[in-house]
C-alpha atoms as a PDB file:
ATOM      1  CA  MET A   1      -0.544  17.606 -12.442  1.00  0.00           C
ATOM      2  CA  LYS A   2      -1.548  15.504  -9.433  1.00  0.00           C
ATOM      3  CA  ASN A   3       1.991  14.164  -8.973  1.00  0.00           C
ATOM      4  CA  ARG A   4       3.281  17.716  -8.449  1.00  0.00           C
ATOM      5  CA  TYR A   5       1.660  18.209  -5.051  1.00  0.00           C
ATOM      6  CA  PRO A   6       3.883  15.733  -3.115  1.00  0.00           C
ATOM      7  CA  ALA A   7       6.937  17.236  -4.830  1.00  0.00           C
ATOM      8  CA  LEU A   8       5.919  20.744  -3.776  1.00  0.00           C
ATOM      9  CA  LEU A   9       5.431  19.602  -0.185  1.00  0.00           C
ATOM     10  CA  PHE A  10       8.871  17.912  -0.214  1.00  0.00           C
ATOM     11  CA  LEU A  11      10.371  21.166  -1.519  1.00  0.00           C
ATOM     12  CA  LEU A  12       8.713  23.166   1.234  1.00  0.00           C
ATOM     13  CA  ILE A  13       9.952  20.805   3.950  1.00  0.00           C
ATOM     14  CA  PHE A  14      13.520  20.644   2.611  1.00  0.00           C
ATOM     15  CA  SER A  15      13.653  24.419   2.208  1.00  0.00           C
ATOM     16  CA  SER A  16      12.733  24.834   5.864  1.00  0.00           C
ATOM     17  CA  ALA A  17      15.284  22.199   6.893  1.00  0.00           C
ATOM     18  CA  ALA A  18      18.049  23.957   4.977  1.00  0.00           C
ATOM     19  CA  GLN A  19      17.494  27.104   7.019  1.00  0.00           C
ATOM     20  CA  ALA A  20      17.859  25.289  10.351  1.00  0.00           C
ATOM     21  CA  GLU A  21      21.228  25.112  12.101  1.00  0.00           C
ATOM     22  CA  PHE A  22      22.252  21.463  12.082  1.00  0.00           C
ATOM     23  CA  LYS A  23      23.557  19.826  15.267  1.00  0.00           C
ATOM     24  CA  TRP A  24      24.134  16.090  15.559  1.00  0.00           C
ATOM     25  CA  ARG A  25      23.148  16.070  19.219  1.00  0.00           C
ATOM     26  CA  ASN A  26      19.619  16.964  18.116  1.00  0.00           C
ATOM     27  CA  VAL A  27      19.362  13.916  15.831  1.00  0.00           C
ATOM     28  CA  PHE A  28      17.572  10.782  17.070  1.00  0.00           C
ATOM     29  CA  PHE A  29      17.352   7.402  15.335  1.00  0.00           C
ATOM     30  CA  VAL A  30      14.436   5.080  16.031  1.00  0.00           C
ATOM     31  CA  PRO A  31      14.644   1.534  14.595  1.00  0.00           C
ATOM     32  CA  ALA A  32      11.494  -0.550  14.983  1.00  0.00           C
ATOM     33  CA  ALA A  33      10.346  -4.083  14.206  1.00  0.00           C
ATOM     34  CA  SER A  34       6.739  -5.285  13.999  1.00  0.00           C
ATOM     35  CA  LEU A  35       4.668  -8.391  13.275  1.00  0.00           C
ATOM     36  CA  GLY A  36       1.060  -8.598  12.183  1.00  0.00           C
ATOM     37  CA  TYR A  37      -1.411  -9.288   9.425  1.00  0.00           C
ATOM     38  CA  SER A  38      -2.443  -7.710   6.148  1.00  0.00           C
ATOM     39  CA  THR A  39      -5.228  -8.315   3.627  1.00  0.00           C
ATOM     40  CA  PHE A  40      -5.341  -7.604  -0.106  1.00  0.00           C
ATOM     41  CA  ASP A  41      -8.702  -7.401  -1.870  1.00  0.00           C
ATOM     42  CA  PHE A  42      -9.472  -6.814  -5.568  1.00  0.00           C
ATOM     43  CA  PRO A  43     -13.040  -8.159  -5.978  1.00  0.00           C
ATOM     44  CA  LYS A  44     -13.313  -7.785  -9.758  1.00  0.00           C
ATOM     45  CA  LYS A  45     -10.388 -10.185 -10.298  1.00  0.00           C
ATOM     46  CA  LEU A  46     -10.092 -12.216  -7.107  1.00  0.00           C
ATOM     47  CA  ASP A  47     -12.878 -14.277  -5.541  1.00  0.00           C
ATOM     48  CA  GLN A  48     -11.465 -13.924  -2.043  1.00  0.00           C
ATOM     49  CA  LYS A  49      -9.436 -11.615   0.147  1.00  0.00           C
ATOM     50  CA  ILE A  50      -5.831 -12.705   0.601  1.00  0.00           C
ATOM     51  CA  THR A  51      -4.573 -12.613   4.184  1.00  0.00           C
ATOM     52  CA  PHE A  52      -0.829 -12.458   4.843  1.00  0.00           C
ATOM     53  CA  THR A  53       1.293 -12.876   7.964  1.00  0.00           C
ATOM     54  CA  ASN A  54       3.594  -9.853   7.824  1.00  0.00           C
ATOM     55  CA  GLY A  55       6.892  -8.637   9.200  1.00  0.00           C
ATOM     56  CA  GLU A  56       8.016  -5.011   9.030  1.00  0.00           C
ATOM     57  CA  PHE A  57      11.217  -3.075   9.749  1.00  0.00           C
ATOM     58  CA  THR A  58      11.226   0.715  10.058  1.00  0.00           C
ATOM     59  CA  LEU A  59      14.030   3.222  10.571  1.00  0.00           C
ATOM     60  CA  THR A  60      13.053   6.759  11.565  1.00  0.00           C
ATOM     61  CA  THR A  61      15.332   9.793  11.866  1.00  0.00           C
ATOM     62  CA  ILE A  62      14.135  12.782  13.909  1.00  0.00           C
ATOM     63  CA  TYR A  63      15.747  16.215  13.774  1.00  0.00           C
ATOM     64  CA  GLN A  64      13.967  19.087  15.500  1.00  0.00           C
ATOM     65  CA  LYS A  65      10.621  19.331  13.678  1.00  0.00           C
ATOM     66  CA  PHE A  66      11.608  17.043  10.793  1.00  0.00           C
ATOM     67  CA  ILE A  67      10.949  13.299  10.592  1.00  0.00           C
ATOM     68  CA  LEU A  68      12.305  11.011   7.876  1.00  0.00           C
ATOM     69  CA  SER A  69      11.120   7.417   7.923  1.00  0.00           C
ATOM     70  CA  GLY A  70      11.642   4.404   5.686  1.00  0.00           C
ATOM     71  CA  SER A  71      10.069   0.982   6.008  1.00  0.00           C
ATOM     72  CA  ILE A  72      10.079  -2.410   4.337  1.00  0.00           C
ATOM     73  CA  ALA A  73       7.318  -4.948   4.935  1.00  0.00           C
ATOM     74  CA  GLY A  74       6.456  -8.293   3.438  1.00  0.00           C
ATOM     75  CA  SER A  75       4.683 -11.580   3.850  1.00  0.00           C
ATOM     76  CA  MET A  76       6.630 -14.071   5.929  1.00  0.00           C
ATOM     77  CA  ALA A  77       5.332 -17.078   3.975  1.00  0.00           C
ATOM     78  CA  ASN A  78       3.377 -17.794   0.808  1.00  0.00           C
ATOM     79  CA  GLU A  79      -0.378 -17.837   1.330  1.00  0.00           C
ATOM     80  CA  THR A  80      -2.531 -20.486  -0.343  1.00  0.00           C
ATOM     81  CA  ILE A  81      -5.601 -19.284  -2.267  1.00  0.00           C
ATOM     82  CA  ALA A  82      -8.228 -20.819  -4.576  1.00  0.00           C
ATOM     83  CA  GLU A  83      -9.845 -19.162  -7.607  1.00  0.00           C
ATOM     84  CA  GLU A  84     -12.495 -21.058  -9.599  1.00  0.00           C
ATOM     85  CA  ASP A  85     -10.472 -23.710 -11.507  1.00  0.00           C
ATOM     86  CA  ASP A  86      -7.122 -22.607 -10.062  1.00  0.00           C
ATOM     87  CA  THR A  87      -5.169 -22.962  -6.847  1.00  0.00           C
ATOM     88  CA  GLY A  88      -2.312 -20.644  -6.059  1.00  0.00           C
ATOM     89  CA  ASN A  89       0.260 -19.134  -3.743  1.00  0.00           C
ATOM     90  CA  ALA A  90       0.507 -15.417  -3.019  1.00  0.00           C
ATOM     91  CA  LYS A  91       3.144 -13.162  -1.483  1.00  0.00           C
ATOM     92  CA  ARG A  92       3.313  -9.429  -0.715  1.00  0.00           C
ATOM     93  CA  ARG A  93       6.049  -6.772  -0.499  1.00  0.00           C
ATOM     94  CA  ASP A  94       5.811  -3.061   0.448  1.00  0.00           C
ATOM     95  CA  LEU A  95       8.356  -0.231   0.577  1.00  0.00           C
ATOM     96  CA  ASP A  96       7.658   3.244   1.941  1.00  0.00           C
ATOM     97  CA  LEU A  97       9.647   6.472   2.347  1.00  0.00           C
ATOM     98  CA  VAL A  98       8.082   9.528   4.008  1.00  0.00           C
ATOM     99  CA  LEU A  99       9.242  12.976   5.136  1.00  0.00           C
ATOM    100  CA  ALA A 100       7.155  14.828   7.726  1.00  0.00           C
ATOM    101  CA  TYR A 101       7.206  18.288   9.290  1.00  0.00           C
ATOM    102  CA  GLN A 102       5.758  19.112  12.718  1.00  0.00           C
ATOM    103  CA  LEU A 103       3.517  22.052  11.931  1.00  0.00           C
ATOM    104  CA  LYS A 104       2.196  22.281  15.489  1.00  0.00           C
ATOM    105  CA  LYS A 105       2.702  20.296  18.673  1.00  0.00           C
ATOM    106  CA  ASN A 106       0.109  17.694  17.656  1.00  0.00           C
ATOM    107  CA  ILE A 107      -0.153  18.208  13.863  1.00  0.00           C
ATOM    108  CA  ASN A 108       2.226  16.878  11.191  1.00  0.00           C
ATOM    109  CA  LEU A 109       2.229  17.306   7.416  1.00  0.00           C
ATOM    110  CA  PHE A 110       3.989  14.719   5.285  1.00  0.00           C
ATOM    111  CA  ALA A 111       4.789  13.603   1.744  1.00  0.00           C
ATOM    112  CA  GLY A 112       5.977  10.181   0.734  1.00  0.00           C
ATOM    113  CA  TYR A 113       6.593   7.616  -1.958  1.00  0.00           C
ATOM    114  CA  LYS A 114       5.361   4.036  -1.788  1.00  0.00           C
ATOM    115  CA  TYR A 115       5.745   0.778  -3.658  1.00  0.00           C
ATOM    116  CA  GLY A 116       3.562  -2.282  -3.235  1.00  0.00           C
ATOM    117  CA  ARG A 117       3.263  -5.555  -5.118  1.00  0.00           C
ATOM    118  CA  THR A 118       1.301  -8.765  -4.787  1.00  0.00           C
ATOM    119  CA  ASN A 119       2.519 -11.823  -6.710  1.00  0.00           C
ATOM    120  CA  ILE A 120       0.219 -14.804  -7.260  1.00  0.00           C
ATOM    121  CA  SER A 121       1.206 -18.090  -8.923  1.00  0.00           C
ATOM    122  CA  PHE A 122      -1.818 -20.079 -10.125  1.00  0.00           C
ATOM    123  CA  VAL A 123      -1.990 -23.725 -11.243  1.00  0.00           C
ATOM    124  CA  ASN A 124      -5.052 -24.988 -13.099  1.00  0.00           C
ATOM    125  CA  ARG A 125      -6.563 -28.017 -11.357  1.00  0.00           C
ATOM    126  CA  THR A 126      -7.310 -29.795 -14.657  1.00  0.00           C
ATOM    127  CA  THR A 127      -4.521 -28.863 -17.047  1.00  0.00           C
ATOM    128  CA  GLU A 128      -1.850 -28.133 -14.390  1.00  0.00           C
ATOM    129  CA  VAL A 129      -0.833 -25.108 -16.482  1.00  0.00           C
ATOM    130  CA  GLU A 130       0.857 -22.426 -14.337  1.00  0.00           C
ATOM    131  CA  THR A 131       0.174 -18.702 -14.689  1.00  0.00           C
ATOM    132  CA  ASN A 132       1.657 -15.803 -12.733  1.00  0.00           C
ATOM    133  CA  ASP A 133      -0.335 -12.688 -11.826  1.00  0.00           C
ATOM    134  CA  LEU A 134       1.119  -9.410 -10.622  1.00  0.00           C
ATOM    135  CA  TYR A 135      -0.524  -6.415  -8.932  1.00  0.00           C
ATOM    136  CA  ARG A 136       1.916  -3.515  -8.589  1.00  0.00           C
ATOM    137  CA  GLN A 137       1.488   0.136  -7.578  1.00  0.00           C
ATOM    138  CA  ILE A 138       4.128   2.815  -7.187  1.00  0.00           C
ATOM    139  CA  GLY A 139       3.951   6.562  -6.648  1.00  0.00           C
ATOM    140  CA  PRO A 140       3.596   9.551  -4.320  1.00  0.00           C
ATOM    141  CA  TYR A 141       1.212  10.493  -1.549  1.00  0.00           C
ATOM    142  CA  ILE A 142       0.568  13.457   0.738  1.00  0.00           C
ATOM    143  CA  GLY A 143      -1.273  13.797   4.014  1.00  0.00           C
ATOM    144  CA  GLY A 144      -1.403  14.880   7.610  1.00  0.00           C
ATOM    145  CA  SER A 145      -1.686  13.471  11.098  1.00  0.00           C
ATOM    146  CA  TYR A 146      -3.110  14.498  14.450  1.00  0.00           C
ATOM    147  CA  THR A 147      -1.687  13.160  17.741  1.00  0.00           C
ATOM    148  CA  HIS A 148      -3.235  13.206  21.197  1.00  0.00           C
ATOM    149  CA  GLN A 149      -1.001  12.597  24.221  1.00  0.00           C
ATOM    150  CA  PHE A 150      -2.601  10.916  27.236  1.00  0.00           C
ATOM    151  CA  GLU A 151      -1.161  11.540  30.688  1.00  0.00           C
ATOM    152  CA  LYS A 152      -0.461   7.884  31.498  1.00  0.00           C
ATOM    153  CA  ALA A 153      -1.690   5.923  28.492  1.00  0.00           C
ATOM    154  CA  GLY A 154       0.722   6.853  25.715  1.00  0.00           C
ATOM    155  CA  LYS A 155      -0.405   8.669  22.609  1.00  0.00           C
ATOM    156  CA  VAL A 156      -2.826   8.020  19.775  1.00  0.00           C
ATOM    157  CA  SER A 157      -2.300   9.316  16.224  1.00  0.00           C
ATOM    158  CA  LEU A 158      -4.800   9.597  13.390  1.00  0.00           C
ATOM    159  CA  THR A 159      -3.438   9.795   9.838  1.00  0.00           C
ATOM    160  CA  LEU A 160      -5.129  10.632   6.545  1.00  0.00           C
ATOM    161  CA  ALA A 161      -3.352  10.553   3.156  1.00  0.00           C
ATOM    162  CA  TYR A 162      -4.170  10.801  -0.537  1.00  0.00           C
ATOM    163  CA  SER A 163      -2.252   8.651  -3.040  1.00  0.00           C
ATOM    164  CA  TYR A 164      -1.958   8.816  -6.821  1.00  0.00           C
ATOM    165  CA  LEU A 165      -0.047   5.772  -8.044  1.00  0.00           C
ATOM    166  CA  GLU A 166       0.977   4.151 -11.288  1.00  0.00           C
ATOM    167  CA  ALA A 167      -0.509   0.669 -11.679  1.00  0.00           C
ATOM    168  CA  LEU A 168       1.027  -2.177 -13.644  1.00  0.00           C
ATOM    169  CA  ASN A 169      -0.707  -5.534 -13.510  1.00  0.00           C
ATOM    170  CA  ILE A 170      -0.146  -8.857 -15.240  1.00  0.00           C
ATOM    171  CA  LEU A 171      -3.446 -10.758 -15.267  1.00  0.00           C
ATOM    172  CA  HIS A 172      -4.890 -13.919 -16.761  1.00  0.00           C
ATOM    173  CA  ALA A 173      -8.488 -14.134 -17.921  1.00  0.00           C
ATOM    174  CA  ASN A 174     -10.873 -15.988 -15.617  1.00  0.00           C
ATOM    175  CA  ALA A 175     -14.256 -15.046 -17.064  1.00  0.00           C
ATOM    176  CA  GLU A 176     -17.107 -17.552 -17.363  1.00  0.00           C
ATOM    177  CA  PRO A 177     -16.940 -19.652 -20.582  1.00  0.00           C
ATOM    178  CA  THR A 178     -19.287 -18.692 -23.410  1.00  0.00           C
ATOM    179  CA  THR A 179     -20.868 -20.593 -26.289  1.00  0.00           C
ATOM    180  CA  PRO A 180     -20.106 -19.870 -29.963  1.00  0.00           C
ATOM    181  CA  GLY A 181     -22.354 -17.159 -31.383  1.00  0.00           C
ATOM    182  CA  ASP A 182     -23.174 -15.685 -27.967  1.00  0.00           C
ATOM    183  CA  LEU A 183     -23.935 -12.020 -28.729  1.00  0.00           C
ATOM    184  CA  ASP A 184     -23.157 -11.025 -25.145  1.00  0.00           C
ATOM    185  CA  ALA A 185     -19.668 -12.569 -25.164  1.00  0.00           C
ATOM    186  CA  CYS A 186     -16.612 -10.383 -24.778  1.00  0.00           C
ATOM    187  CA  ASN A 187     -14.636  -9.669 -27.910  1.00  0.00           C
ATOM    188  CA  PHE A 188     -12.077  -6.867 -27.714  1.00  0.00           C
ATOM    189  CA  LEU A 189     -12.444  -6.170 -31.462  1.00  0.00           C
ATOM    190  CA  THR A 190     -16.153  -6.639 -32.192  1.00  0.00           C
ATOM    191  CA  ASN A 191     -17.878  -6.379 -28.814  1.00  0.00           C
ATOM    192  CA  PRO A 192     -15.618  -4.481 -26.359  1.00  0.00           C
ATOM    193  CA  SER A 193     -18.576  -3.221 -24.301  1.00  0.00           C
ATOM    194  CA  ALA A 194     -19.120  -6.799 -23.045  1.00  0.00           C
ATOM    195  CA  CYS A 195     -15.555  -7.050 -21.709  1.00  0.00           C
ATOM    196  CA  ASP A 196     -14.763  -6.613 -18.026  1.00  0.00           C
ATOM    197  CA  LEU A 197     -11.686  -6.971 -15.850  1.00  0.00           C
ATOM    198  CA  ASP A 198     -12.234 -10.742 -15.719  1.00  0.00           C
ATOM    199  CA  ASP A 199     -11.508 -10.813 -19.471  1.00  0.00           C
ATOM    200  CA  PHE A 200      -8.193  -8.943 -19.263  1.00  0.00           C
ATOM    201  CA  ASN A 201      -5.394 -11.356 -20.143  1.00  0.00           C
ATOM    202  CA  GLY A 202      -1.844  -9.970 -20.068  1.00  0.00           C
ATOM    203  CA  GLN A 203      -0.089  -6.780 -19.037  1.00  0.00           C
ATOM    204  CA  THR A 204      -2.324  -3.835 -18.152  1.00  0.00           C
ATOM    205  CA  GLU A 205      -1.328  -0.312 -17.198  1.00  0.00           C
ATOM    206  CA  GLY A 206      -3.242   2.506 -15.564  1.00  0.00           C
ATOM    207  CA  ASN A 207      -3.467   4.430 -12.331  1.00  0.00           C
ATOM    208  CA  THR A 208      -4.605   3.907  -8.773  1.00  0.00           C
ATOM    209  CA  GLU A 209      -5.862   6.694  -6.544  1.00  0.00           C
ATOM    210  CA  GLY A 210      -7.606   6.931  -3.213  1.00  0.00           C
ATOM    211  CA  LEU A 211      -7.276   7.503   0.507  1.00  0.00           C
ATOM    212  CA  SER A 212      -5.372   5.890   3.348  1.00  0.00           C
ATOM    213  CA  LEU A 213      -6.578   6.050   6.946  1.00  0.00           C
ATOM    214  CA  GLY A 214      -4.338   5.088   9.839  1.00  0.00           C
ATOM    215  CA  VAL A 215      -4.632   4.804  13.623  1.00  0.00           C
ATOM    216  CA  SER A 216      -1.613   4.131  15.850  1.00  0.00           C
ATOM    217  CA  TRP A 217      -1.010   3.842  19.580  1.00  0.00           C
ATOM    218  CA  ASN A 218       2.448   4.217  21.161  1.00  0.00           C
ATOM    219  CA  ILE A 219       3.360   3.865  24.816  1.00  0.00           C
ATOM    220  CA  ALA A 220       6.766   4.014  26.525  1.00  0.00           C
ATOM    221  CA  VAL A 221       7.885   0.810  28.234  1.00  0.00           C
ATOM    222  CA  THR A 222      11.132   2.476  29.373  1.00  0.00           C
ATOM    223  CA  PRO A 223      12.469   5.977  28.589  1.00  0.00           C
ATOM    224  CA  ARG A 224      13.830   4.592  25.283  1.00  0.00           C
ATOM    225  CA  LEU A 225      11.786   1.475  24.520  1.00  0.00           C
ATOM    226  CA  ILE A 226       8.354   2.005  22.949  1.00  0.00           C
ATOM    227  CA  TYR A 227       5.521  -0.424  22.277  1.00  0.00           C
ATOM    228  CA  ARG A 228       3.642   0.327  19.034  1.00  0.00           C
ATOM    229  CA  THR A 229       0.353  -0.771  17.481  1.00  0.00           C
ATOM    230  CA  ASN A 230      -0.531   0.469  14.017  1.00  0.00           C
ATOM    231  CA  PHE A 231      -3.626  -0.050  11.866  1.00  0.00           C
ATOM    232  CA  LYS A 232      -3.821   1.256   8.292  1.00  0.00           C
ATOM    233  CA  THR A 233      -6.356   0.762   5.537  1.00  0.00           C
ATOM    234  CA  ASN A 234      -5.937   1.868   1.913  1.00  0.00           C
ATOM    235  CA  ARG A 235      -9.055   2.246  -0.252  1.00  0.00           C
ATOM    236  CA  TYR A 236      -8.266   2.793  -3.914  1.00  0.00           C
ATOM    237  CA  THR A 237      -9.941   2.918  -7.308  1.00  0.00           C
ATOM    238  CA  GLN A 238      -7.815   1.303  -9.986  1.00  0.00           C
ATOM    239  CA  THR A 239      -8.317   2.280 -13.645  1.00  0.00           C
ATOM    240  CA  LEU A 240      -6.787  -0.187 -16.106  1.00  0.00           C
ATOM    241  CA  THR A 241      -6.611  -0.370 -19.897  1.00  0.00           C
ATOM    242  CA  TYR A 242      -6.195  -3.530 -21.970  1.00  0.00           C
ATOM    243  CA  ARG A 243      -6.443  -3.644 -25.777  1.00  0.00           C
ATOM    244  CA  GLY A 244      -8.184  -0.287 -25.847  1.00  0.00           C
ATOM    245  CA  VAL A 245     -10.777  -1.199 -23.193  1.00  0.00           C
ATOM    246  CA  THR A 246     -10.681   0.741 -19.901  1.00  0.00           C
ATOM    247  CA  ARG A 247     -12.351  -0.527 -16.739  1.00  0.00           C
ATOM    248  CA  ASP A 248     -12.383   0.515 -13.058  1.00  0.00           C
ATOM    249  CA  GLY A 249     -12.098  -1.718 -10.039  1.00  0.00           C
ATOM    250  CA  SER A 250     -12.018  -1.113  -6.297  1.00  0.00           C
ATOM    251  CA  GLU A 251      -8.964  -2.287  -4.377  1.00  0.00           C
ATOM    252  CA  SER A 252      -8.102  -2.352  -0.683  1.00  0.00           C
ATOM    253  CA  PHE A 253      -5.035  -3.174   1.366  1.00  0.00           C
ATOM    254  CA  THR A 254      -5.199  -3.279   5.169  1.00  0.00           C
ATOM    255  CA  MET A 255      -2.464  -3.827   7.761  1.00  0.00           C
ATOM    256  CA  LEU A 256      -2.471  -4.387  11.532  1.00  0.00           C
ATOM    257  CA  MET A 257       1.034  -4.411  13.037  1.00  0.00           C
ATOM    258  CA  MET A 258       2.380  -4.613  16.600  1.00  0.00           C
ATOM    259  CA  GLY A 259       5.983  -4.244  17.695  1.00  0.00           C
ATOM    260  CA  LEU A 260       8.745  -2.377  19.511  1.00  0.00           C
ATOM    261  CA  ALA A 261      10.794   0.708  18.760  1.00  0.00           C
ATOM    262  CA  TYR A 262      13.996   1.908  20.424  1.00  0.00           C
ATOM    263  CA  VAL A 263      15.191   5.529  20.581  1.00  0.00           C
ATOM    264  CA  ILE A 264      18.935   5.944  19.972  1.00  0.00           C
END
């Protein structure tokens, strides 16, 4: 049911667009490139936040009150991390497609579809055995934005969105070792209540839902060249199931990007 709401908003926007008289002279293209940082945090599986150096490319098409934008972002190099007995390298990739409608001069409604994945390759310090973890989310979101235009200082936009995503993770267990006969030890068959996310070992599926909050500032350098700063934080709850055991974990992904856009 929840996945229907973005589809209904897309239908509403496209229905309105179909009724508008199309003229190419009213179409504007805005390519943009940005650099910045992002952090990925999943405390119940990872001992530390992972910080990436990111690059992002965005292409936006504007027609009257309709805005279609697609972006691809990713880590520019592998980031080194350490987890208990393991060391590893991590990388990140994000894709986003969003369609917005200008409801009022300073208010937009939008619906989109996003894909994000974090890959981590671990090597055990003692055994040198390599394992590969994957955190992947994909699905729709809906939201709105409010923009305030300053007379000489550009414009600031506030964005709020709700996402309901499919989660597919590949994890390796990193729980504390137990002694034989320990009644509090995790056993997915005989003692599942003692199992937590640290005990999940293999492919897990579930869902991720939560809110995204964004703040951006744009200012014109020339009539066509625009400087952009964008901050976005995603706060999600991820519900995963492994061998019949379901557990929740909080997850966050934050980005701060700065760059230039050009109006064609």
